């Protein structure tokens, strides 16, 4: 149920996303949703983000904003952002989620206590920097074609090299 609400909210207006955040916080506080329910929904959303972005290009930003707000509300811990980034495959989407989550956290009242967790920030940056193609900020569809074309060129160069060596 949480995943359906979450995915639908990514396509809605800001007011709807704020209401979903309040709903999650309330259902979590009332023990209707457990920590595991919220985290499972967030992980499943991260795994589906590449598909969601096709219909809603701003979904990663909205998802990151929701993550940041849930961190500020103590529904999820800041370290869970590392798990979300690990489950988000596309580098550009990872960066959008991370940047939006940090922006939301920095705007909150307890931003300094959250942002003082340097080890988590370092791990997030390591995940973002270690992914192949991290420096190419292109949309998901175009990015896939760029990667495919790059692989094609590498294979072509290798085949050309072998054909030159044999002659």
Foldseek 3Di string as FASTA:
>chain_A
DLLVLLLVQLPDDPVSLVVNLVVLLVCPVVVVADLVNVLVSLLVCLLCVLVSCVVPVCSLLSSLLSLLSCCLSVSDPLLSLLVSLVNNQDLLSLVNSPVNSLVNLCPDPPNVVRVVPVVSVVSSVCSSVPHPPSVDNDGDVVVVVVVVVVVVVVVVVVVVVVVVVVD
